[in-house]
Amino acid sequence: MDDPRRTPAGRRGRPRRVVTAGVRWIFAPLRRAKSWKKRSVTLPRRHIGWLAFYAALVLALPGVGLFADPFAGTRGWASAFSVALAFEGFAILLIQFALVSRLAPISRTFGSDALTRLHRNMALAALVFVAVHPLLLAAGRDWRAWSPFHGSSGMRAGALALWMTVTVIVTSVARGRLRLSYEAWQAVHLVGACVLVGAALVHMLRLGGASQSPQMRWTLGAYAGLFLALLLRYRLIRPLRASRRPWTVVANEDIGGSTRLVRVRPVGHEGFAFAPGQFAWLITGSHPLWAGQHPLSIASSDRRPDDGAIEFSIKALGDWSSTAVPALRPGQRVFVDGPFGAFTPELPPGEALVLVAGGVGIAPMRSMLLSLRDRRDRRRVVLFHAAASFSRVVFRDEIDRLARELDLEVVYVLERPDTDWTGERGFITSDIVRRHLPPRFAEAEYFVCGPVPMMDAVEAILIGLGVPSRRIHSERFQMV
């Protein structure tokens, strides 16, 4: 019997399935965003509005190219399709900043985790588009067209844009293997993005072609203006605004487990209100314009003290957290930009919470528990706290006190416990979770934060137990 994939119908169906799978992969992060309904096409209005706006931005550039084609005659399909791919890839790359440029309305709607993963998926999709573009043209026959040192200025700029796109994505995906520090990666990412956008604009405007029409040139100018506005807001306006709202270090305490609890308070201003589970960027250099910025979950209650102070728990995981953070002294000036994220329990009274924390992922959970205590909220809470050993569990005494003040069950899961340990051991498994879930567990809300492999495993466990995906919230500080 013939393979159905080789029949004409099969050949037509397979590309359609590939495209459908690709679209689902790109937008998969948003399916896990806050309030997204499982197995339903009904979305909150704020989601629909933002998604429609994003889709319009992504599709407008190739759309203008289609309807304002300056060529009188017809072109071959390869030429027309390659140009459409180039415009589509360029549009995606131009608005990438919008996903991670700290636009609070978007961050609070979808959450930074979903936006960061969408940013990564869209970057990979854009790379495919801009790489296929030259393959469909002369570059498939003349490999010199791939060189930024050969051909006309327009061709060289196009090759530079392509290779800079590759550089930005490879240094992001393989940052750990390349042993790039967070600060070095940030610099490569920012400079690379600016170079590739500029080179791509030169490529399109110098070569002419589909960009000759006035409509396309105006559209390209609008996209470039949007990119420039987001860049200025991200790298100039927000840092300058933060510099006028300094904070000072109040305390810097070693709380064990290679973790420090840093308390900061605003100087000359009231600070900011936040929801439990949100995060902020801590800037420890002399000025926000050129200092490194690091995203950290806020670890304190949302019922702030009179001085507006907030706390961060910071684990030694890299150069900055291992050297700069321990060196912070009381009275030292720092800067804080926030709050961001949607990793927060905005729930009706009485709805149960299940919190799953690994390592420093306990920070947002501490904020939630302290906030529940200060609100006198007695809802049912189960906390799974995974750690290598009992000595690596941070906030241990405080969590035990909270267990007496709240309706809180604490389940420690230790990977390498002492021989006399009688609690859960190893990694968090389906059996461990099932033993401690509250009644009517499918109606609880779940918050998961910790190492990425642990989070992936726990999310799969919860889905396997029948927890609706819309009730599972996660926060990954995996900015690359």
Protein backbone atom coordinates (compact mmCIF):
# COMPACT_ATOMS: atom_id res chain seq x y z
CA MET A 1 0.00 0.00 0.00
CA ASP A 2 1.25 3.47 -0.85
CA ASP A 3 2.36 5.71 1.99
CA PRO A 4 -0.49 8.28 2.35
CA ARG A 5 2.08 10.98 2.93
CA ARG A 6 3.21 10.52 -0.68
CA THR A 7 -0.22 11.00 -2.23
CA PRO A 8 -1.11 14.45 -3.58
CA ALA A 9 -3.57 14.97 -0.71
CA GLY A 10 -0.94 13.89 1.76
CA ARG A 11 1.59 16.33 0.30
CA ARG A 12 -0.92 19.14 0.63
CA GLY A 13 -1.85 18.12 4.18
CA ARG A 14 1.63 17.75 5.53
CA PRO A 15 2.76 21.37 5.04
CA ARG A 16 -0.53 22.46 6.57
CA ARG A 17 0.15 20.29 9.63
CA VAL A 18 3.70 21.62 9.84
CA VAL A 19 2.48 25.21 9.75
CA THR A 20 -0.20 24.48 12.36
CA ALA A 21 2.32 22.78 14.63
CA GLY A 22 4.70 25.70 14.23
CA VAL A 23 2.05 28.26 15.18
CA ARG A 24 1.05 26.20 18.22
CA TRP A 25 4.71 25.95 19.30
CA ILE A 26 5.30 29.68 18.94
CA PHE A 27 2.26 30.69 20.97
CA ALA A 28 2.34 27.78 23.43
CA PRO A 29 3.67 30.00 26.28
CA LEU A 30 0.62 32.24 26.15
CA ARG A 31 -1.66 29.22 26.50
CA ARG A 32 -0.25 28.88 30.03
CA ALA A 33 -0.68 32.57 30.76
CA LYS A 34 -2.92 33.79 33.52
CA SER A 35 -6.64 33.13 33.08
CA TRP A 36 -6.21 31.29 29.74
CA LYS A 37 -9.07 28.80 29.50
CA LYS A 38 -8.16 25.21 28.73
CA ARG A 39 -9.99 23.67 25.78
CA SER A 40 -11.83 26.91 25.15
CA VAL A 41 -11.53 29.68 22.61
CA THR A 42 -12.98 32.21 25.06
CA LEU A 43 -10.27 34.56 26.24
CA PRO A 44 -10.43 37.56 28.57
CA ARG A 45 -10.89 40.78 26.63
CA ARG A 46 -7.51 42.14 27.70
CA HIS A 47 -5.84 39.03 26.23
CA ILE A 48 -7.75 39.29 22.98
CA GLY A 49 -6.86 42.97 22.62
CA TRP A 50 -3.14 42.47 23.18
CA LEU A 51 -2.97 39.38 20.96
CA ALA A 52 -4.81 41.15 18.16
CA PHE A 53 -2.49 44.14 18.46
CA TYR A 54 0.59 41.92 18.40
CA ALA A 55 -0.71 39.96 15.38
CA ALA A 56 -1.40 43.23 13.56
CA LEU A 57 2.16 44.42 14.19
CA VAL A 58 3.66 41.14 13.01
CA LEU A 59 1.55 40.92 9.85
CA ALA A 60 1.31 44.58 8.83
CA LEU A 61 4.72 44.81 7.16
CA PRO A 62 4.32 41.84 4.78
CA GLY A 63 0.72 42.95 4.26
CA VAL A 64 1.81 46.38 3.04
CA GLY A 65 4.38 44.70 0.82
CA LEU A 66 1.65 42.57 -0.72
CA PHE A 67 -0.78 45.41 -1.44
CA ALA A 68 1.79 48.05 -2.40
CA ASP A 69 3.98 45.95 -4.69
CA PRO A 70 5.78 48.41 -7.03
CA PHE A 71 6.37 45.81 -9.75
CA ALA A 72 4.02 46.02 -12.71
CA GLY A 73 4.51 42.46 -13.88
CA THR A 74 4.28 39.18 -12.03
CA ARG A 75 7.25 37.69 -10.24
CA GLY A 76 8.13 34.09 -9.66
CA TRP A 77 6.72 32.48 -6.54
CA ALA A 78 10.19 32.01 -5.03
CA SER A 79 11.02 35.71 -5.29
CA ALA A 80 7.65 36.88 -3.94
CA PHE A 81 7.63 34.33 -1.12
CA SER A 82 11.21 35.10 -0.07
CA VAL A 83 10.46 38.82 0.14
CA ALA A 84 7.35 38.13 2.22
CA LEU A 85 9.43 35.98 4.58
CA ALA A 86 12.04 38.71 4.91
CA PHE A 87 9.42 41.33 5.77
CA GLU A 88 7.80 38.96 8.26
CA GLY A 89 11.09 38.13 9.96
CA PHE A 90 12.09 41.78 10.09
CA ALA A 91 8.74 42.76 11.63
CA ILE A 92 9.13 40.11 14.33
CA LEU A 93 12.67 41.19 15.17
CA LEU A 94 11.70 44.85 15.33
CA ILE A 95 8.99 44.32 17.91
CA GLN A 96 10.86 41.78 20.03
CA PHE A 97 11.65 44.57 22.48
CA ALA A 98 7.93 44.98 23.14
CA LEU A 99 7.81 41.53 24.77
CA VAL A 100 10.63 42.13 27.26
CA SER A 101 10.91 45.92 27.58
CA ARG A 102 9.08 46.01 30.92
CA LEU A 103 5.73 47.20 29.65
CA ALA A 104 3.78 46.72 32.86
CA PRO A 105 0.30 46.28 31.29
CA ILE A 106 1.54 43.39 29.13
CA SER A 107 3.61 41.86 31.94
CA ARG A 108 0.69 41.89 34.37
CA THR A 109 -1.65 40.38 31.78
CA PHE A 110 0.42 37.42 30.58
CA GLY A 111 3.27 37.21 33.10
CA SER A 112 6.97 37.54 32.41
CA ASP A 113 7.42 33.78 32.08
CA ALA A 114 5.03 33.50 29.15
CA LEU A 115 6.36 36.66 27.50
CA THR A 116 9.99 35.55 27.78
CA ARG A 117 9.27 32.16 26.24
CA LEU A 118 7.21 33.77 23.48
CA HIS A 119 10.12 36.17 22.87
CA ARG A 120 12.46 33.20 22.48
CA ASN A 121 10.10 31.25 20.21
CA MET A 122 9.42 34.23 17.97
CA ALA A 123 13.16 34.93 17.66
CA LEU A 124 13.73 31.37 16.43
CA ALA A 125 10.84 31.73 13.98
CA ALA A 126 12.29 35.02 12.70
CA LEU A 127 15.68 33.34 12.22
CA VAL A 128 14.04 30.68 10.03
CA PHE A 129 12.28 33.36 7.96
CA VAL A 130 15.37 35.49 7.36
CA ALA A 131 17.52 32.42 6.60
CA VAL A 132 15.07 30.97 4.06
CA HIS A 133 14.84 34.38 2.34
CA PRO A 134 18.32 34.24 0.72
CA LEU A 135 18.05 30.49 0.11
CA LEU A 136 15.13 31.10 -2.23
CA LEU A 137 17.11 33.73 -4.12
CA ALA A 138 20.61 33.79 -5.55
CA ALA A 139 22.23 32.74 -2.29
CA GLY A 140 21.11 29.22 -2.98
CA ARG A 141 23.41 29.20 -6.03
CA ASP A 142 26.09 31.76 -5.13
CA TRP A 143 27.39 31.27 -1.60
CA ARG A 144 29.29 34.56 -1.74
CA ALA A 145 25.94 36.25 -1.15
CA TRP A 146 26.14 35.00 2.46
CA SER A 147 29.30 37.02 3.09
CA PRO A 148 29.08 40.50 4.68
CA PHE A 149 32.30 41.34 2.78
CA HIS A 150 31.10 40.66 -0.75
CA GLY A 151 28.79 42.44 -3.18
CA SER A 152 27.01 45.76 -3.04
CA SER A 153 26.44 47.67 0.18
CA GLY A 154 22.85 46.45 0.28
CA MET A 155 23.90 42.82 -0.08
CA ARG A 156 26.62 43.18 2.55
CA ALA A 157 24.13 44.76 4.96
CA GLY A 158 21.71 41.89 4.42
CA ALA A 159 24.38 39.30 5.16
CA LEU A 160 25.45 41.25 8.25
CA ALA A 161 21.84 41.35 9.50
CA LEU A 162 21.49 37.60 9.01
CA TRP A 163 24.71 36.70 10.81
CA MET A 164 24.00 39.15 13.60
CA THR A 165 20.61 37.48 14.07
CA VAL A 166 22.39 34.13 14.31
CA THR A 167 24.87 35.58 16.82
CA VAL A 168 22.18 37.02 19.08
CA ILE A 169 20.17 33.80 19.12
CA VAL A 170 23.12 31.42 19.51
CA THR A 171 24.61 33.42 22.40
CA SER A 172 21.19 33.34 24.07
CA VAL A 173 20.40 29.66 23.58
CA ALA A 174 23.96 28.50 24.40
CA ARG A 175 24.91 31.12 27.00
CA GLY A 176 25.69 28.46 29.60
CA ARG A 177 27.90 26.42 27.28
CA LEU A 178 29.66 29.56 26.08
CA ARG A 179 30.14 30.60 29.72
CA LEU A 180 28.93 34.11 29.02
CA SER A 181 28.18 36.14 32.12
CA TYR A 182 24.72 37.65 32.40
CA GLU A 183 26.17 41.14 31.91
CA ALA A 184 28.18 40.09 28.85
CA TRP A 185 25.14 38.41 27.34
CA GLN A 186 23.04 41.54 27.92
CA ALA A 187 25.64 43.65 26.09
CA VAL A 188 25.87 41.22 23.14
CA HIS A 189 22.08 41.00 22.95
CA LEU A 190 21.54 44.76 22.98
CA VAL A 191 24.33 45.70 20.57
CA GLY A 192 23.51 42.78 18.28
CA ALA A 193 19.84 43.73 18.13
CA CYS A 194 20.67 47.33 17.20
CA VAL A 195 23.17 46.26 14.53
CA LEU A 196 20.87 43.70 12.92
CA VAL A 197 17.93 46.14 12.77
CA GLY A 198 20.09 48.87 11.25
CA ALA A 199 21.71 46.50 8.76
CA ALA A 200 18.35 45.05 7.73
CA LEU A 201 16.97 48.54 7.08
CA VAL A 202 20.00 49.42 4.94
CA HIS A 203 19.60 46.12 3.06
CA MET A 204 15.96 46.77 2.18
CA LEU A 205 16.32 50.45 1.34
CA ARG A 206 19.50 50.10 -0.72
CA LEU A 207 18.31 47.15 -2.78
CA GLY A 208 14.98 48.77 -3.50
CA GLY A 209 12.67 46.17 -4.93
CA ALA A 210 9.52 45.74 -2.87
CA SER A 211 10.61 48.55 -0.54
CA GLN A 212 10.51 51.14 -3.33
CA SER A 213 6.86 52.05 -2.80
CA PRO A 214 6.12 55.10 -0.62
CA GLN A 215 3.72 53.02 1.49
CA MET A 216 6.44 50.49 2.31
CA ARG A 217 9.00 53.18 3.11
CA TRP A 218 6.57 54.91 5.46
CA THR A 219 5.77 51.56 7.09
CA LEU A 220 9.46 50.73 7.52
CA GLY A 221 9.98 54.15 9.07
CA ALA A 222 7.11 53.52 11.50
CA TYR A 223 8.55 50.16 12.55
CA ALA A 224 12.01 51.64 12.98
CA GLY A 225 10.48 54.45 15.04
CA LEU A 226 8.70 51.91 17.26
CA PHE A 227 11.94 50.00 17.77
CA LEU A 228 13.80 53.20 18.62
CA ALA A 229 11.07 54.31 21.04
CA LEU A 230 11.14 50.96 22.87
CA LEU A 231 14.93 51.01 22.95
CA LEU A 232 15.05 54.53 24.38
CA ARG A 233 12.39 53.69 26.93
CA TYR A 234 14.20 50.53 27.99
CA ARG A 235 17.78 51.80 28.04
CA LEU A 236 17.40 55.54 28.71
CA ILE A 237 14.04 56.70 30.05
CA ARG A 238 13.49 53.97 32.64
CA PRO A 239 17.09 54.12 33.97
CA LEU A 240 16.91 57.91 34.24
CA ARG A 241 13.59 57.64 36.04
CA ALA A 242 15.04 55.04 38.41
CA SER A 243 18.03 57.27 39.14
CA ARG A 244 15.67 59.90 40.55
CA ARG A 245 14.12 57.33 42.91
CA PRO A 246 17.04 55.81 44.82
CA TRP A 247 16.83 53.14 47.49
CA THR A 248 19.22 52.31 50.30
CA VAL A 249 20.31 48.97 51.76
CA VAL A 250 18.93 48.50 55.27
CA ALA A 251 20.23 45.00 55.97
CA ASN A 252 22.09 42.20 54.21
CA GLU A 253 21.85 38.92 56.11
CA ASP A 254 23.27 35.48 55.36
CA ILE A 255 20.29 33.15 55.92
CA GLY A 256 22.05 29.92 54.92
CA GLY A 257 21.76 27.79 51.83
CA SER A 258 24.14 30.15 49.98
CA THR A 259 21.35 32.73 50.18
CA ARG A 260 21.25 36.30 51.45
CA LEU A 261 18.22 38.32 52.50
CA VAL A 262 18.66 41.93 51.34
CA ARG A 263 16.31 44.58 52.71
CA VAL A 264 16.09 47.94 50.92
CA ARG A 265 13.95 51.01 51.51
CA PRO A 266 13.08 53.99 49.30
CA VAL A 267 14.83 57.31 49.83
CA GLY A 268 12.80 60.48 49.25
CA HIS A 269 9.81 58.64 47.79
CA GLU A 270 7.20 56.07 48.83
CA GLY A 271 8.51 53.15 46.80
CA PHE A 272 5.82 51.12 45.07
CA ALA A 273 2.93 48.81 45.85
CA PHE A 274 3.15 45.25 44.58
CA ALA A 275 1.21 42.00 44.64
CA PRO A 276 2.68 38.95 46.38
CA GLY A 277 4.69 36.90 43.89
CA GLN A 278 5.73 39.80 41.66
CA PHE A 279 9.36 40.66 40.97
CA ALA A 280 11.53 43.71 40.44
CA TRP A 281 14.92 44.52 38.93
CA LEU A 282 17.65 45.30 41.46
CA ILE A 283 20.37 47.66 40.20
CA THR A 284 23.49 47.75 42.37
CA GLY A 285 25.88 49.93 40.32
CA SER A 286 26.58 53.63 40.61
CA HIS A 287 23.93 54.63 38.04
CA PRO A 288 21.11 52.68 36.33
CA LEU A 289 22.27 53.83 32.87
CA TRP A 290 25.33 51.61 32.89
CA ALA A 291 24.88 49.32 35.90
CA GLY A 292 23.84 45.69 35.65
CA GLN A 293 20.20 44.89 36.35
CA HIS A 294 18.97 41.60 37.79
CA PRO A 295 15.39 40.29 38.11
CA LEU A 296 14.50 39.12 41.61
CA SER A 297 11.28 37.97 43.23
CA ILE A 298 10.14 40.21 46.04
CA ALA A 299 10.27 38.08 49.20
CA SER A 300 8.34 40.31 51.62
CA SER A 301 4.66 40.82 52.42
CA ASP A 302 2.61 43.14 50.23
CA ARG A 303 1.60 44.91 53.46
CA ARG A 304 4.66 47.13 53.45
CA PRO A 305 6.00 48.77 56.62
CA ASP A 306 5.80 52.52 57.13
CA ASP A 307 9.23 53.08 55.56
CA GLY A 308 8.16 51.23 52.35
CA ALA A 309 10.98 48.68 52.65
CA ILE A 310 10.95 45.45 50.63
CA GLU A 311 13.12 42.33 50.77
CA PHE A 312 14.87 40.13 48.22
CA SER A 313 16.33 36.67 48.84
CA ILE A 314 19.32 36.19 46.55
CA LYS A 315 21.09 32.87 46.08
CA ALA A 316 24.73 32.71 44.98
CA LEU A 317 24.36 31.36 41.45
CA GLY A 318 26.73 33.56 39.44
CA ASP A 319 29.38 36.27 39.59
CA TRP A 320 27.03 39.06 40.60
CA SER A 321 25.11 37.12 43.25
CA SER A 322 28.32 35.58 44.63
CA THR A 323 30.44 38.75 44.82
CA ALA A 324 28.44 41.97 44.42
CA VAL A 325 25.50 40.96 46.62
CA PRO A 326 27.53 39.90 49.71
CA ALA A 327 29.44 43.18 49.39
CA LEU A 328 26.30 45.32 49.79
CA ARG A 329 26.50 47.32 53.01
CA PRO A 330 23.80 49.10 55.03
CA GLY A 331 23.48 52.67 53.79
CA GLN A 332 24.67 51.82 50.28
CA ARG A 333 22.58 53.28 47.47
CA VAL A 334 20.84 50.95 45.03
CA PHE A 335 17.96 51.25 42.56
CA VAL A 336 14.82 49.19 42.11
CA ASP A 337 12.62 49.00 39.00
CA GLY A 338 9.28 47.30 39.45
CA PRO A 339 6.96 45.64 40.05
CA PHE A 340 6.46 43.21 37.17
CA GLY A 341 4.88 39.83 36.52
CA ALA A 342 1.55 38.09 36.97
CA PHE A 343 2.74 35.30 39.26
CA THR A 344 0.34 36.29 42.00
CA PRO A 345 -2.76 34.76 43.62
CA GLU A 346 -5.64 37.09 42.78
CA LEU A 347 -8.21 34.64 44.07
CA PRO A 348 -11.69 34.62 45.59
CA PRO A 349 -11.67 34.13 49.38
CA GLY A 350 -11.37 30.54 50.47
CA GLU A 351 -9.80 29.13 47.29
CA ALA A 352 -7.01 26.71 48.23
CA LEU A 353 -3.39 27.31 47.23
CA VAL A 354 -0.72 24.75 46.42
CA LEU A 355 2.79 26.23 46.32
CA VAL A 356 5.74 24.26 44.90
CA ALA A 357 9.17 25.80 45.50
CA GLY A 358 12.66 24.61 44.71
CA GLY A 359 15.77 26.40 45.97
CA VAL A 360 15.48 30.17 45.76
CA GLY A 361 12.00 29.71 44.27
CA ILE A 362 10.81 29.96 47.87
CA ALA A 363 11.12 33.77 47.66
CA PRO A 364 7.77 34.52 45.96
CA MET A 365 6.12 31.82 48.09
CA ARG A 366 7.37 33.57 51.23
CA SER A 367 5.80 36.79 49.94
CA MET A 368 2.49 34.99 49.42
CA LEU A 369 2.53 33.36 52.87
CA LEU A 370 3.46 36.57 54.69
CA SER A 371 0.75 38.44 52.78
CA LEU A 372 -1.84 35.82 53.74
CA ARG A 373 -0.79 36.15 57.38
CA ASP A 374 -1.00 39.95 57.31
CA ARG A 375 -4.42 39.78 55.62
CA ARG A 376 -5.61 37.26 58.24
CA ASP A 377 -6.49 34.93 55.36
CA ARG A 378 -7.12 31.39 56.60
CA ARG A 379 -7.53 29.61 53.30
CA ARG A 380 -6.02 26.13 52.93
CA VAL A 381 -2.39 26.19 51.72
CA VAL A 382 -0.02 23.32 50.95
CA LEU A 383 3.66 24.18 50.44
CA PHE A 384 6.01 21.68 48.79
CA HIS A 385 9.58 22.83 49.45
CA ALA A 386 12.27 20.88 47.57
CA ALA A 387 15.92 21.16 48.59
CA ALA A 388 19.13 19.17 48.50
CA SER A 389 19.21 18.76 52.30
CA PHE A 390 17.55 20.22 55.37
CA SER A 391 20.51 22.56 55.92
CA ARG A 392 19.82 24.10 52.48
CA VAL A 393 16.21 25.00 53.31
CA VAL A 394 15.97 28.78 53.72
CA PHE A 395 13.32 30.52 55.88
CA ARG A 396 12.87 27.19 57.70
CA ASP A 397 12.06 28.61 61.16
CA GLU A 398 9.85 31.34 59.70
CA ILE A 399 7.86 28.87 57.59
CA ASP A 400 7.35 26.63 60.63
CA ARG A 401 5.96 29.63 62.53
CA LEU A 402 3.68 30.48 59.63
CA ALA A 403 2.40 26.89 59.66
CA ARG A 404 1.05 27.59 63.16
CA GLU A 405 -0.46 30.95 62.17
CA LEU A 406 -2.06 29.84 58.88
CA ASP A 407 -3.94 26.79 57.65
CA LEU A 408 -0.64 25.68 56.12
CA GLU A 409 0.80 22.22 55.55
CA VAL A 410 4.53 22.22 54.78
CA VAL A 411 5.98 19.26 52.87
CA TYR A 412 9.77 19.22 52.71
CA VAL A 413 11.16 17.02 49.92
CA LEU A 414 14.88 16.45 50.45
CA GLU A 415 17.13 15.03 47.78
CA ARG A 416 19.93 13.95 50.16
CA PRO A 417 18.43 13.86 53.67
CA ASP A 418 20.10 12.66 56.84
CA THR A 419 19.59 9.03 57.78
CA ASP A 420 17.08 9.91 60.52
CA TRP A 421 14.87 11.96 58.16
CA THR A 422 11.29 10.63 58.19
CA GLY A 423 9.74 13.00 55.65
CA GLU A 424 9.58 12.90 51.86
CA ARG A 425 12.85 12.25 50.09
CA GLY A 426 14.26 12.29 46.56
CA PHE A 427 12.57 14.44 43.94
CA ILE A 428 8.98 15.63 43.81
CA THR A 429 6.98 12.82 42.23
CA SER A 430 3.36 12.18 41.38
CA ASP A 431 2.98 9.93 44.44
CA ILE A 432 4.38 12.61 46.77
CA VAL A 433 2.11 15.28 45.34
CA ARG A 434 -0.96 13.01 45.44
CA ARG A 435 -0.38 12.18 49.14
CA HIS A 436 -0.58 15.82 50.20
CA LEU A 437 -3.03 17.49 47.82
CA PRO A 438 -6.05 19.10 49.50
CA PRO A 439 -9.60 17.84 48.90
CA ARG A 440 -11.11 19.09 45.64
CA PHE A 441 -7.54 19.69 44.48
CA ALA A 442 -8.66 20.40 40.90
CA GLU A 443 -10.23 23.64 42.16
CA ALA A 444 -7.06 24.87 43.88
CA GLU A 445 -4.58 27.30 42.33
CA TYR A 446 -1.01 26.09 41.83
CA PHE A 447 2.15 28.22 41.85
CA VAL A 448 5.45 26.65 40.81
CA CYS A 449 8.87 28.33 41.00
CA GLY A 450 12.37 26.89 41.09
CA PRO A 451 14.93 25.27 38.79
CA VAL A 452 13.56 24.89 35.27
CA PRO A 453 13.82 21.04 35.14
CA MET A 454 11.92 20.79 38.43
CA MET A 455 9.23 23.17 37.18
CA ASP A 456 8.79 21.24 33.95
CA ALA A 457 8.48 17.98 35.88
CA VAL A 458 5.99 19.38 38.41
CA GLU A 459 3.81 20.94 35.71
CA ALA A 460 3.68 17.59 33.91
CA ILE A 461 2.79 15.83 37.20
CA LEU A 462 -0.04 18.24 37.92
CA ILE A 463 -1.47 17.92 34.42
CA GLY A 464 -1.26 14.13 34.76
CA LEU A 465 -3.20 14.27 38.03
CA GLY A 466 -6.00 16.16 36.33
CA VAL A 467 -5.24 19.73 37.39
CA PRO A 468 -6.53 22.15 34.69
CA SER A 469 -3.61 23.94 33.05
CA ARG A 470 -5.29 27.31 33.57
CA ARG A 471 -4.84 26.80 37.32
CA ILE A 472 -1.08 26.22 37.07
CA HIS A 473 1.04 29.38 37.29
CA SER A 474 4.81 29.40 36.89
CA GLU A 475 7.65 31.87 36.94
CA ARG A 476 10.97 31.10 35.27
CA PHE A 477 13.74 33.65 35.60
CA GLN A 478 15.28 32.24 32.44
CA MET A 479 15.76 35.51 30.59
CA VAL A 480 17.60 33.78 27.76
